[in-house]
Structures are given as structure tokens and as C-alpha cells.
Amino acid sequence: MSKYRVQNPATGEVLETFEAATDAQIEEALASANAVYREWRERSVQERAAVVKRVAELFVERKDELARLIAVEMGKSIAESIDEVEFAASIIDYYAVHGPSLITDYEIPSTVSGKAYIEHRPVGTLLGVMPWNFPYYQVARFAAPNLVLGNTILLKHADICAGSALAIQDIMEEAGVPVGGYQNVFASHDQIATMIADPRVQGVSLTGSERAGAIIGAQAGKNLKKCVLELGGIDPMVVLDSDDVAAVAKQAWDFRVYNVGQVCNSNKRLIVMDDIYDEFVAELTKLATGLVPGDQLNLADGEFVPMSSRAAAETVHAQVQKAISEGATLVAGGVLSDGPSAHYSPAVLTGVPRDSVSYGQEIFGPVATVYKVSSDEEALELANDCALGLGGSVFSTDVARATRVAAGLEVGMAHVNTIAAEAAELPFGGVKQSGFGREMGPIGIGEFANKRLFFVAE
């Protein structure tokens, strides 16, 4: 089977295969990206932003076609696929509109006689290595700010997202990004290493697992290249109290099973105060009961979509079974469908022992794992007892109380009374083993900028 393919995870049917890049094609991609960079960086930022603005418009114009592509590729429902295309378009548009003002030169005071300026200059060609869970959104938040800045892009997408990966390049070129300025490459792991080592590539951005992050980070470091790593999360959602437990449980469930749980900053650990714990688990159990596998292209109420691949579903099933063997309780769901379908029924898991292997593992699928605590201190201690640190949230009717606990979260994104505030203007990223660097918002455009000192003596 070709590595790059379109395979419907609901049926296992391979619909299309694609040729992997040859080494000669990778060299050609590097040469053209570098050549276009030298021209693209000389254009005015307004001109680059106008091209990026057109990219956003084309995403909106083609949203139905783009949504269908990813629904077939990785199993997202049509409704969620359209959501994603619209979110990607909003991020691209944000940088088209606000990017130029975010990278305007500014003067700083200096004790040395003369005028000192900070500039934001591009650095060159960048390599993006992107995952399958949000095929457009992940690319948008990397590519849009960097194209406005004047960098050029080589994009290695997940092997199951070949169709959408090619569609993005088509849109970029139609919008006016010079041919070579944004290139999809069907590259192998060895070819990625070659590109990172090549002096024509000046940075690399990866969204993926900690394992992939460690490999890419090591290659970037060895070659003295800047990298941005957005890795996994086991984000805590702490519920201290509630005057409507059912409503908070529903909010928790809806976010946990969004994209069938295949979300980096999903609320993967639900940490609930003992006096509302039983009611909270009962509400989740109700929501998880009676769901049936459905077709992501035509989903009805009470149905759930497949995971991205049969292998992904089998991995999650194995993780849940391992947790059960270590003492956890599967309260609802957790049924792996017969192959080749990738359906795994959304599950509720309780009582994962803190000394177990499962306790420290991210489950990248629709599993709501619930923990019981009896004080704010215990809740915060449990929330931070994790190697990862992407996002986290704290819920309470007392905002001051929730704010106190949330202030102590060791995460890149802390929230009070909402699970995850997500918009083009809000930065995204983590600490600890969730990686480093930020995407989106006013700081996302600065990661691959040469913040150059420009000094004119008097």
C-alpha cells in the first residue's frame, strides 16, 4: 500500500493512492522554495497580506468541497469538517488583516547615540510537519502568519491527508502565492531529516506526538534550526462546584467527544469534587449510552463517526483495556467495532490508579476519564501531576475561587469556566512535554521572524 493515500476510515476502503516524493523532487522543492523566498520577501507586506487574504476567501468559497475531502480522509462529520474549514479561514484572514501591524518596525530607547529599531524580518524557507486530526486548521495557523511575514513553506502532511494537502497548495497558488512559495511534499522520514539539515530551510514547525516532537526537535537542534513543537496534552478540567451539574457534564462530554476525542487540547482528565462526583459520572454515563456507529458523510442523532484509522481505534481500545487491567472501571462505551471500520464507541472511564502506567498516558480518542478529589489543593495537585502541560480549565460558581486554582495550573493555556477559548486572535501552545512556541494570536507571527536590531548612528 502506498504510504500516502485516501482511505475512508468508516469502511477501510482505499480510494486513492499517491506517489511518494523522490529525492530529486525534494531537491527541486528546496531549490524553488529558496528561489521564491528571495523574491517573496522583497514584496511589500501589504502585497503579501493581500494574497493571504485571497487564500482565506477561497477557503470560504470552497468550504463544502474542502469539508468533504477531510470527512472522507480522516472521518470527521460533515458539520465538524465545515466548522474546521471556517476556523482555518478565520485564522488566515486574521493574519491577512492584522499581520502587517503586528510586524511593524518600532523604535526603542537607546543610551548609545543614534536611533535603534526592532524589525520583524523573514528568515527563509520553513518546513511544516502536520497531523491528520485538523488537516486545514493546523496548516492555516503555521502557514498564514509566515507567508505574511515573507517566509516560504514546505509542508509535509500526514499520510492519510493527501487529498486535502494538495487542495491547500492549489488554493495557495490560485490566490497568488508564487509557485514554489507553498509546496506540499509527500516526503519520507529520511527526507524530512534531509530537509531540516539543508541550509535552505531555516525553521521547522511540528504538531504531533511527543515522540515525533523529540525526533524533530533533536534534528532541528543538531542543525541549529529554530523549531516550534505543539505536542500532546492530557488537559485537566477541574470542576470544583456547580449549581447545574448536568450542564457542566454535558459541556465536558461535548468537548471530549468533539472530533471523536482526537484533539490535542481536549479535556482528557475530568477532575471532579467528591460531593458532585457521582452525579457528574451519572450524567456522562447517560450521554455515552445507546450511541451507534454512523457514516460521517450522513450522520444522524445518536450516531458517532469513526476514528481516523483502524490503527488509531485499536490503539485507544488497547489503552482502555490496559487501564481496566490496572484497576480502572469502564462505566460506559468503549466498544471497538469489527474491522475494517475504525469506529470506537465514546467511553467513560473512572478509577484510574495514580500509580499505574495508564495514569500518565494521553488517550487520543473519545474517552472521558474522571477523577474524584476532596479539596481545591488536591484538585490542583492532581491537575499538575502530569508530564504534559498544554491547556487546562477550572469551573466554579465562585469565579474568584476558580481563578485562584487556575492560576496554579502548569499549562500554556489556563481557563476559568470555559474548557478552551479558541479563536484566531488567541495564542495556542504548551509547556513541559507539550512542547514550546506559540501559534495564532499576536505572538504567533513572531516565532519565525528575525527580530533584527537596526541601528542608525547620529
Protein backbone atom coordinates (compact mmCIF):
# COMPACT_ATOMS: atom_id res chain seq x y z
CA MET A 1 0.00 0.00 0.00
CA SER A 2 1.28 3.44 -0.86
CA LYS A 3 2.16 5.44 2.25
CA TYR A 4 0.19 8.47 1.01
CA ARG A 5 -3.41 7.53 0.41
CA VAL A 6 -7.04 8.45 0.91
CA GLN A 7 -8.75 5.71 2.91
CA ASN A 8 -12.28 6.02 4.26
CA PRO A 9 -11.97 5.04 7.95
CA ALA A 10 -15.66 4.06 8.12
CA THR A 11 -15.17 1.30 5.55
CA GLY A 12 -11.41 0.80 5.28
CA GLU A 13 -11.68 1.33 1.53
CA VAL A 14 -8.59 2.87 -0.11
CA LEU A 15 -9.97 5.39 -2.60
CA GLU A 16 -6.78 6.90 -3.98
CA THR A 17 -3.02 6.46 -3.64
CA PHE A 18 -0.21 8.94 -4.30
CA GLU A 19 3.42 8.54 -5.30
CA ALA A 20 5.92 9.35 -2.56
CA ALA A 21 8.42 12.09 -3.43
CA THR A 22 11.74 11.10 -4.95
CA ASP A 23 14.96 12.61 -3.60
CA ALA A 24 15.24 14.59 -6.84
CA GLN A 25 11.76 16.06 -6.25
CA ILE A 26 12.74 17.06 -2.70
CA GLU A 27 15.85 18.83 -4.04
CA GLU A 28 13.70 20.60 -6.62
CA ALA A 29 11.24 21.68 -3.89
CA LEU A 30 14.08 23.07 -1.76
CA ALA A 31 15.58 24.95 -4.71
CA SER A 32 12.30 26.53 -5.78
CA ALA A 33 11.24 27.41 -2.21
CA ASN A 34 14.58 29.15 -1.71
CA ALA A 35 14.41 30.98 -5.05
CA VAL A 36 10.85 32.18 -4.42
CA TYR A 37 11.79 33.29 -0.89
CA ARG A 38 14.31 35.75 -2.33
CA GLU A 39 11.56 37.29 -4.43
CA TRP A 40 8.64 36.99 -1.98
CA ARG A 41 10.49 38.71 0.89
CA GLU A 42 11.07 41.78 -1.34
CA ARG A 43 7.37 42.33 -1.91
CA SER A 44 5.63 44.80 0.41
CA VAL A 45 3.94 43.28 3.43
CA GLN A 46 0.65 44.75 2.14
CA GLU A 47 1.05 42.83 -1.11
CA ARG A 48 1.78 39.56 0.70
CA ALA A 49 -1.15 40.15 3.05
CA ALA A 50 -3.49 40.73 0.07
CA VAL A 51 -2.50 37.32 -1.34
CA VAL A 52 -3.11 35.67 2.05
CA LYS A 53 -6.49 37.46 2.27
CA ARG A 54 -7.44 35.81 -1.03
CA VAL A 55 -6.43 32.40 0.40
CA ALA A 56 -8.98 32.92 3.20
CA GLU A 57 -11.68 33.89 0.68
CA LEU A 58 -11.03 30.76 -1.39
CA PHE A 59 -11.30 28.56 1.72
CA VAL A 60 -14.75 30.02 2.37
CA GLU A 61 -15.82 29.77 -1.28
CA ARG A 62 -14.82 26.09 -1.41
CA LYS A 63 -15.80 25.06 2.09
CA ASP A 64 -18.24 22.31 1.07
CA GLU A 65 -15.74 20.62 -1.24
CA LEU A 66 -12.89 21.04 1.29
CA ALA A 67 -15.07 19.68 4.11
CA ARG A 68 -15.99 16.58 2.16
CA LEU A 69 -12.31 15.85 1.45
CA ILE A 70 -11.35 15.61 5.12
CA ALA A 71 -14.57 13.84 6.12
CA VAL A 72 -13.60 11.02 3.77
CA GLU A 73 -9.88 11.12 4.68
CA MET A 74 -9.98 11.15 8.47
CA GLY A 75 -13.61 10.53 9.40
CA LYS A 76 -14.80 13.89 10.75
CA SER A 77 -18.53 14.56 10.34
CA ILE A 78 -19.51 17.00 7.59
CA ALA A 79 -20.72 19.52 10.20
CA GLU A 80 -17.41 19.41 12.09
CA SER A 81 -15.48 19.47 8.81
CA ILE A 82 -17.24 22.68 7.76
CA ASP A 83 -16.51 24.11 11.25
CA GLU A 84 -12.84 23.38 10.70
CA VAL A 85 -12.67 24.96 7.23
CA GLU A 86 -14.36 28.10 8.58
CA PHE A 87 -11.98 28.27 11.56
CA ALA A 88 -8.96 27.84 9.26
CA ALA A 89 -10.29 30.64 7.04
CA SER A 90 -10.72 32.92 10.06
CA ILE A 91 -7.08 32.35 11.10
CA ILE A 92 -5.79 33.03 7.60
CA ASP A 93 -7.94 36.16 7.43
CA TYR A 94 -6.74 37.32 10.87
CA TYR A 95 -3.12 37.35 9.71
CA ALA A 96 -4.04 38.96 6.38
CA VAL A 97 -5.77 41.80 8.25
CA HIS A 98 -3.64 42.16 11.40
CA GLY A 99 -0.32 40.63 10.36
CA PRO A 100 1.18 43.80 8.84
CA SER A 101 0.57 45.86 12.01
CA LEU A 102 1.91 43.05 14.23
CA ILE A 103 5.29 43.13 12.43
CA THR A 104 5.69 46.89 12.02
CA ASP A 105 9.15 48.25 12.89
CA TYR A 106 9.32 50.19 16.14
CA GLU A 107 11.90 52.39 17.79
CA ILE A 108 13.33 51.59 21.23
CA PRO A 109 15.13 53.99 23.59
CA SER A 110 18.92 53.72 23.48
CA THR A 111 21.79 55.07 25.61
CA VAL A 112 24.00 54.83 22.52
CA SER A 113 23.81 57.96 20.39
CA GLY A 114 21.54 57.23 17.44
CA LYS A 115 18.24 55.61 16.61
CA ALA A 116 17.52 51.95 17.45
CA TYR A 117 14.73 50.00 15.77
CA ILE A 118 13.37 46.47 16.13
CA GLU A 119 12.32 44.98 12.81
CA HIS A 120 10.49 41.73 12.06
CA ARG A 121 12.19 40.21 9.02
CA PRO A 122 11.57 36.79 7.44
CA VAL A 123 14.22 34.08 7.85
CA GLY A 124 13.73 31.85 4.80
CA THR A 125 12.01 28.61 3.90
CA LEU A 126 10.24 26.77 6.72
CA LEU A 127 9.23 23.12 6.95
CA GLY A 128 5.88 22.22 8.49
CA VAL A 129 5.12 18.65 9.61
CA MET A 130 1.39 18.46 10.25
CA PRO A 131 -1.05 15.89 11.70
CA TRP A 132 -4.31 14.42 10.44
CA ASN A 133 -6.69 15.49 13.22
CA PHE A 134 -7.30 19.00 11.82
CA PRO A 135 -5.93 18.91 8.27
CA TYR A 136 -6.69 22.58 7.43
CA TYR A 137 -6.59 24.32 10.82
CA GLN A 138 -3.12 23.01 11.66
CA VAL A 139 -1.72 24.20 8.33
CA ALA A 140 -3.51 27.58 8.50
CA ARG A 141 -2.00 28.59 11.82
CA PHE A 142 1.52 27.78 10.62
CA ALA A 143 1.39 28.94 7.00
CA ALA A 144 -0.69 32.14 7.15
CA PRO A 145 1.48 34.24 9.50
CA ASN A 146 4.68 33.05 7.89
CA LEU A 147 3.56 33.88 4.36
CA VAL A 148 2.58 37.38 5.51
CA LEU A 149 5.99 37.71 7.17
CA GLY A 150 7.74 36.77 3.92
CA ASN A 151 8.86 33.20 4.60
CA THR A 152 8.13 30.36 2.17
CA ILE A 153 6.65 27.00 3.14
CA LEU A 154 7.35 23.32 2.56
CA LEU A 155 4.51 21.27 4.03
CA LYS A 156 4.74 17.58 4.85
CA HIS A 157 1.24 16.45 5.77
CA ALA A 158 0.00 13.26 7.41
CA ASP A 159 -0.01 10.29 5.06
CA ILE A 160 -3.81 9.93 5.21
CA CYS A 161 -4.43 13.59 4.28
CA ALA A 162 -3.00 13.61 0.77
CA GLY A 163 -6.13 14.93 -0.95
CA SER A 164 -6.63 17.90 1.37
CA ALA A 165 -2.88 18.59 1.37
CA LEU A 166 -2.92 19.01 -2.42
CA ALA A 167 -6.09 21.11 -2.25
CA ILE A 168 -4.36 23.58 0.09
CA GLN A 169 -1.44 24.02 -2.35
CA ASP A 170 -3.90 24.57 -5.22
CA ILE A 171 -5.68 27.31 -3.23
CA MET A 172 -2.39 28.97 -2.27
CA GLU A 173 -1.27 29.14 -5.91
CA GLU A 174 -4.66 30.29 -7.17
CA ALA A 175 -4.64 33.08 -4.55
CA GLY A 176 -1.32 34.35 -5.87
CA VAL A 177 1.36 32.71 -3.73
CA PRO A 178 4.17 32.31 -6.30
CA VAL A 179 4.60 28.71 -7.49
CA GLY A 180 7.23 27.29 -5.13
CA GLY A 181 6.23 29.57 -2.27
CA TYR A 182 3.93 26.97 -0.72
CA GLN A 183 4.66 23.36 -1.64
CA ASN A 184 3.15 20.12 -0.44
CA VAL A 185 5.78 17.36 -0.25
CA PHE A 186 4.93 13.67 0.06
CA ALA A 187 8.15 13.15 2.00
CA SER A 188 9.52 10.21 4.00
CA HIS A 189 11.08 10.45 7.48
CA ASP A 190 14.54 10.35 5.92
CA GLN A 191 13.64 13.13 3.52
CA ILE A 192 12.34 15.26 6.41
CA ALA A 193 15.73 14.85 8.09
CA THR A 194 17.44 15.87 4.83
CA MET A 195 15.29 19.00 4.59
CA ILE A 196 15.93 20.02 8.21
CA ALA A 197 19.68 19.63 7.65
CA ASP A 198 19.60 21.67 4.43
CA PRO A 199 20.80 25.28 4.85
CA ARG A 200 17.94 26.49 2.65
CA VAL A 201 15.49 25.53 5.43
CA GLN A 202 15.62 27.91 8.39
CA GLY A 203 12.99 26.52 10.74
CA VAL A 204 10.60 23.67 11.37
CA SER A 205 7.15 23.51 12.96
CA LEU A 206 5.63 20.22 14.06
CA THR A 207 2.27 19.36 15.55
CA GLY A 208 2.17 15.76 16.70
CA SER A 209 3.15 13.31 19.41
CA GLU A 210 5.89 13.82 21.99
CA ARG A 211 7.83 11.06 20.27
CA ALA A 212 7.72 12.85 16.93
CA GLY A 213 8.50 16.14 18.67
CA ALA A 214 11.59 14.71 20.33
CA ILE A 215 12.88 13.40 16.97
CA ILE A 216 12.21 16.63 15.05
CA GLY A 217 13.47 18.77 17.94
CA ALA A 218 16.72 16.79 18.04
CA GLN A 219 17.22 17.13 14.28
CA ALA A 220 16.49 20.86 14.44
CA GLY A 221 18.84 21.35 17.38
CA LYS A 222 21.65 19.41 15.75
CA ASN A 223 21.37 21.70 12.72
CA LEU A 224 20.90 24.89 14.80
CA LYS A 225 17.41 25.48 13.42
CA LYS A 226 14.55 27.12 15.35
CA CYS A 227 11.57 24.85 15.91
CA VAL A 228 8.03 25.16 17.24
CA LEU A 229 6.60 21.98 18.75
CA GLU A 230 2.92 21.56 19.57
CA LEU A 231 2.69 18.12 21.12
CA GLY A 232 0.21 16.12 23.14
CA GLY A 233 -1.92 17.07 26.09
CA ILE A 234 -3.76 15.41 28.96
CA ASP A 235 -5.55 18.61 29.83
CA PRO A 236 -7.32 18.78 33.18
CA MET A 237 -10.86 20.11 33.51
CA VAL A 238 -11.38 20.76 37.22
CA VAL A 239 -14.98 21.04 38.45
CA LEU A 240 -14.98 22.48 41.99
CA ASP A 241 -18.74 23.01 42.31
CA SER A 242 -21.77 23.66 40.15
CA ASP A 243 -25.38 24.70 40.51
CA ASP A 244 -26.14 22.69 37.33
CA VAL A 245 -24.05 19.54 37.29
CA ALA A 246 -25.86 18.13 34.25
CA ALA A 247 -24.99 21.22 32.20
CA VAL A 248 -21.29 21.12 33.13
CA ALA A 249 -21.17 17.37 32.46
CA LYS A 250 -22.75 17.95 29.03
CA GLN A 251 -20.18 20.67 28.27
CA ALA A 252 -17.40 18.30 29.37
CA TRP A 253 -18.78 15.45 27.26
CA ASP A 254 -19.37 17.51 24.11
CA PHE A 255 -15.81 18.85 24.14
CA ARG A 256 -14.29 15.46 24.99
CA VAL A 257 -16.00 13.68 22.10
CA TYR A 258 -15.53 16.53 19.59
CA ASN A 259 -13.60 15.09 16.61
CA VAL A 260 -14.08 11.76 18.44
CA GLY A 261 -11.61 12.87 21.08
CA GLN A 262 -8.76 13.36 18.62
CA VAL A 263 -7.91 16.84 19.87
CA CYS A 264 -4.59 17.91 21.45
CA ASN A 265 -6.22 20.25 23.99
CA SER A 266 -9.25 18.10 24.73
CA ASN A 267 -10.32 17.85 28.39
CA LYS A 268 -8.76 14.41 28.84
CA ARG A 269 -8.80 14.39 32.66
CA LEU A 270 -12.05 15.39 34.37
CA ILE A 271 -11.21 16.20 38.00
CA VAL A 272 -14.43 16.49 39.99
CA MET A 273 -15.13 17.40 43.63
CA ASP A 274 -16.42 14.47 45.69
CA ASP A 275 -19.81 15.98 46.57
CA ILE A 276 -20.87 16.24 42.89
CA TYR A 277 -18.76 13.37 41.50
CA ASP A 278 -21.47 10.68 41.46
CA GLU A 279 -23.99 12.93 39.74
CA PHE A 280 -21.35 14.07 37.24
CA VAL A 281 -20.39 10.49 36.31
CA ALA A 282 -24.08 9.51 36.06
CA GLU A 283 -24.70 12.36 33.61
CA LEU A 284 -21.69 11.35 31.47
CA THR A 285 -22.90 7.75 31.53
CA LYS A 286 -26.31 8.83 30.22
CA LEU A 287 -24.65 10.74 27.38
CA ALA A 288 -22.43 7.77 26.48
CA THR A 289 -25.23 5.19 26.48
CA GLY A 290 -27.04 3.98 23.37
CA LEU A 291 -24.75 5.55 20.77
CA VAL A 292 -24.31 3.67 17.50
CA PRO A 293 -21.69 3.81 14.71
CA GLY A 294 -22.60 6.13 11.85
CA ASP A 295 -21.50 7.38 8.46
CA GLN A 296 -19.52 10.62 8.79
CA LEU A 297 -20.93 11.86 5.46
CA ASN A 298 -24.51 11.42 6.65
CA LEU A 299 -24.58 11.39 10.44
CA ALA A 300 -27.84 11.10 12.39
CA ASP A 301 -28.53 11.94 16.05
CA GLY A 302 -27.22 9.30 18.43
CA GLU A 303 -24.52 8.19 15.98
CA PHE A 304 -20.77 8.63 16.23
CA VAL A 305 -18.16 8.91 13.48
CA PRO A 306 -15.15 6.62 13.00
CA MET A 307 -11.71 7.48 14.33
CA SER A 308 -9.07 8.49 11.77
CA SER A 309 -7.93 4.93 11.08
CA ARG A 310 -8.42 1.37 12.24
CA ALA A 311 -4.97 1.52 13.87
CA ALA A 312 -5.98 4.61 15.87
CA ALA A 313 -9.13 2.90 17.13
CA GLU A 314 -7.21 -0.25 18.07
CA THR A 315 -4.65 1.84 19.98
CA VAL A 316 -7.34 3.57 22.05
CA HIS A 317 -9.09 0.27 22.72
CA ALA A 318 -5.80 -1.26 23.91
CA GLN A 319 -5.16 1.73 26.19
CA VAL A 320 -8.60 1.42 27.80
CA GLN A 321 -8.19 -2.34 28.26
CA LYS A 322 -4.78 -1.74 29.85
CA ALA A 323 -6.30 0.79 32.28
CA ILE A 324 -9.00 -1.75 33.21
CA SER A 325 -6.33 -4.38 33.85
CA GLU A 326 -4.63 -1.90 36.20
CA GLY A 327 -7.82 -1.33 38.20
CA ALA A 328 -9.86 1.29 36.33
CA THR A 329 -13.60 0.86 35.66
CA LEU A 330 -15.16 1.19 32.21
CA VAL A 331 -18.54 2.70 33.10
CA ALA A 332 -19.94 3.07 29.57
CA GLY A 333 -18.98 2.70 25.90
CA GLY A 334 -15.55 1.51 24.89
CA VAL A 335 -16.65 -0.96 22.21
CA LEU A 336 -14.31 -1.46 19.26
CA SER A 337 -16.25 -2.23 16.08
CA ASP A 338 -15.35 -5.18 13.87
CA GLY A 339 -12.72 -4.31 11.29
CA PRO A 340 -12.04 -2.75 8.90
CA SER A 341 -14.21 0.06 10.30
CA ALA A 342 -12.48 2.48 12.71
CA HIS A 343 -15.47 3.10 15.00
CA TYR A 344 -14.84 3.10 18.76
CA SER A 345 -17.79 3.97 20.96
CA PRO A 346 -17.28 7.03 23.21
CA ALA A 347 -16.43 5.85 26.72
CA VAL A 348 -16.47 6.86 30.38
CA LEU A 349 -13.54 5.60 32.48
CA THR A 350 -13.18 6.05 36.25
CA GLY A 351 -10.78 4.98 38.99
CA VAL A 352 -7.53 5.01 37.01
CA PRO A 353 -4.95 4.33 39.74
CA ARG A 354 -2.39 7.12 40.14
CA ASP A 355 0.48 4.63 40.32
CA SER A 356 -0.49 2.91 37.05
CA VAL A 357 1.12 3.26 33.61
CA SER A 358 -2.23 4.37 32.19
CA TYR A 359 -2.38 7.37 34.53
CA GLY A 360 0.35 9.22 32.64
CA GLN A 361 -0.80 8.32 29.12
CA GLU A 362 -2.69 10.52 26.70
CA ILE A 363 -5.71 8.74 25.21
CA PHE A 364 -6.18 10.28 21.77
CA GLY A 365 -9.76 9.18 21.34
CA PRO A 366 -13.27 9.55 22.79
CA VAL A 367 -12.61 8.52 26.40
CA ALA A 368 -13.75 10.71 29.30
CA THR A 369 -11.51 9.82 32.26
CA VAL A 370 -12.89 11.02 35.61
CA TYR A 371 -11.05 11.51 38.92
CA LYS A 372 -12.54 12.27 42.34
CA VAL A 373 -10.95 14.87 44.66
CA SER A 374 -11.96 16.37 48.00
CA SER A 375 -10.23 19.77 48.14
CA ASP A 376 -9.05 22.60 45.88
CA GLU A 377 -5.45 21.74 46.83
CA GLU A 378 -5.88 18.09 45.85
CA ALA A 379 -7.54 19.12 42.57
CA LEU A 380 -4.63 21.39 41.63
CA GLU A 381 -2.02 18.85 42.69
CA LEU A 382 -3.67 16.18 40.52
CA ALA A 383 -4.07 18.62 37.60
CA ASN A 384 -0.33 19.39 37.65
CA ASP A 385 0.77 15.79 38.25
CA CYS A 386 1.37 15.29 34.55
CA ALA A 387 4.36 15.37 32.21
CA LEU A 388 2.34 17.37 29.69
CA GLY A 389 1.16 20.97 30.01
CA LEU A 390 -0.94 22.14 27.07
CA GLY A 391 -4.18 23.62 28.45
CA GLY A 392 -6.45 23.33 31.44
CA SER A 393 -9.66 24.70 32.93
CA VAL A 394 -11.31 25.24 36.30
CA PHE A 395 -15.07 25.53 36.84
CA SER A 396 -16.85 27.02 39.85
CA THR A 397 -19.83 29.25 40.62
CA ASP A 398 -17.28 31.31 42.60
CA VAL A 399 -15.08 32.94 39.93
CA ALA A 400 -12.51 34.09 42.49
CA ARG A 401 -12.13 30.52 43.76
CA ALA A 402 -11.79 29.10 40.25
CA THR A 403 -9.31 31.86 39.35
CA ARG A 404 -7.14 31.00 42.38
CA VAL A 405 -6.93 27.35 41.34
CA ALA A 406 -6.49 28.10 37.61
CA ALA A 407 -3.63 30.50 38.42
CA GLY A 408 -1.66 27.49 39.67
CA LEU A 409 -2.04 25.37 36.51
CA GLU A 410 1.28 24.45 34.84
CA VAL A 411 -0.03 24.91 31.30
CA GLY A 412 0.30 27.14 28.25
CA MET A 413 -3.44 27.97 28.27
CA ALA A 414 -5.39 28.34 31.54
CA HIS A 415 -9.15 28.88 31.55
CA VAL A 416 -11.86 29.75 34.05
CA ASN A 417 -15.43 28.50 33.42
CA THR A 418 -14.77 27.50 29.81
CA ILE A 419 -12.85 24.44 28.65
CA ALA A 420 -10.89 26.07 25.83
CA ALA A 421 -11.17 29.58 24.46
CA GLU A 422 -10.28 29.18 20.78
CA ALA A 423 -10.12 31.92 18.18
CA ALA A 424 -7.68 33.22 15.60
CA GLU A 425 -6.53 36.02 17.91
CA LEU A 426 -5.84 33.76 20.92
CA PRO A 427 -2.39 32.12 21.19
CA PHE A 428 -2.14 28.32 21.33
CA GLY A 429 0.69 26.24 22.80
CA GLY A 430 2.02 24.48 25.86
CA VAL A 431 4.81 23.90 28.36
CA LYS A 432 6.60 20.84 29.75
CA GLN A 433 6.39 17.90 27.33
CA SER A 434 3.58 19.57 25.38
CA GLY A 435 6.33 21.45 23.55
CA PHE A 436 7.25 25.08 23.10
CA GLY A 437 6.45 28.05 20.91
CA ARG A 438 3.06 29.56 20.20
CA GLU A 439 0.75 29.65 17.22
CA MET A 440 -2.07 32.09 16.45
CA GLY A 441 -2.78 35.45 18.02
CA PRO A 442 -0.39 38.41 18.06
CA ILE A 443 2.60 36.29 19.14
CA GLY A 444 2.17 33.51 16.56
CA ILE A 445 3.69 35.61 13.78
CA GLY A 446 6.92 36.19 15.73
CA GLU A 447 8.17 32.60 16.05
CA PHE A 448 9.99 32.51 12.71
CA ALA A 449 10.84 36.20 12.49
CA ASN A 450 14.31 37.70 12.57
CA LYS A 451 13.69 40.33 15.23
CA ARG A 452 16.50 42.39 13.83
CA LEU A 453 18.11 45.36 15.55
CA PHE A 454 18.52 48.18 13.03
CA PHE A 455 20.71 50.98 14.38
CA VAL A 456 21.47 54.30 12.73
CA ALA A 457 24.21 56.29 14.49
CA GLU A 458 23.89 60.04 14.90
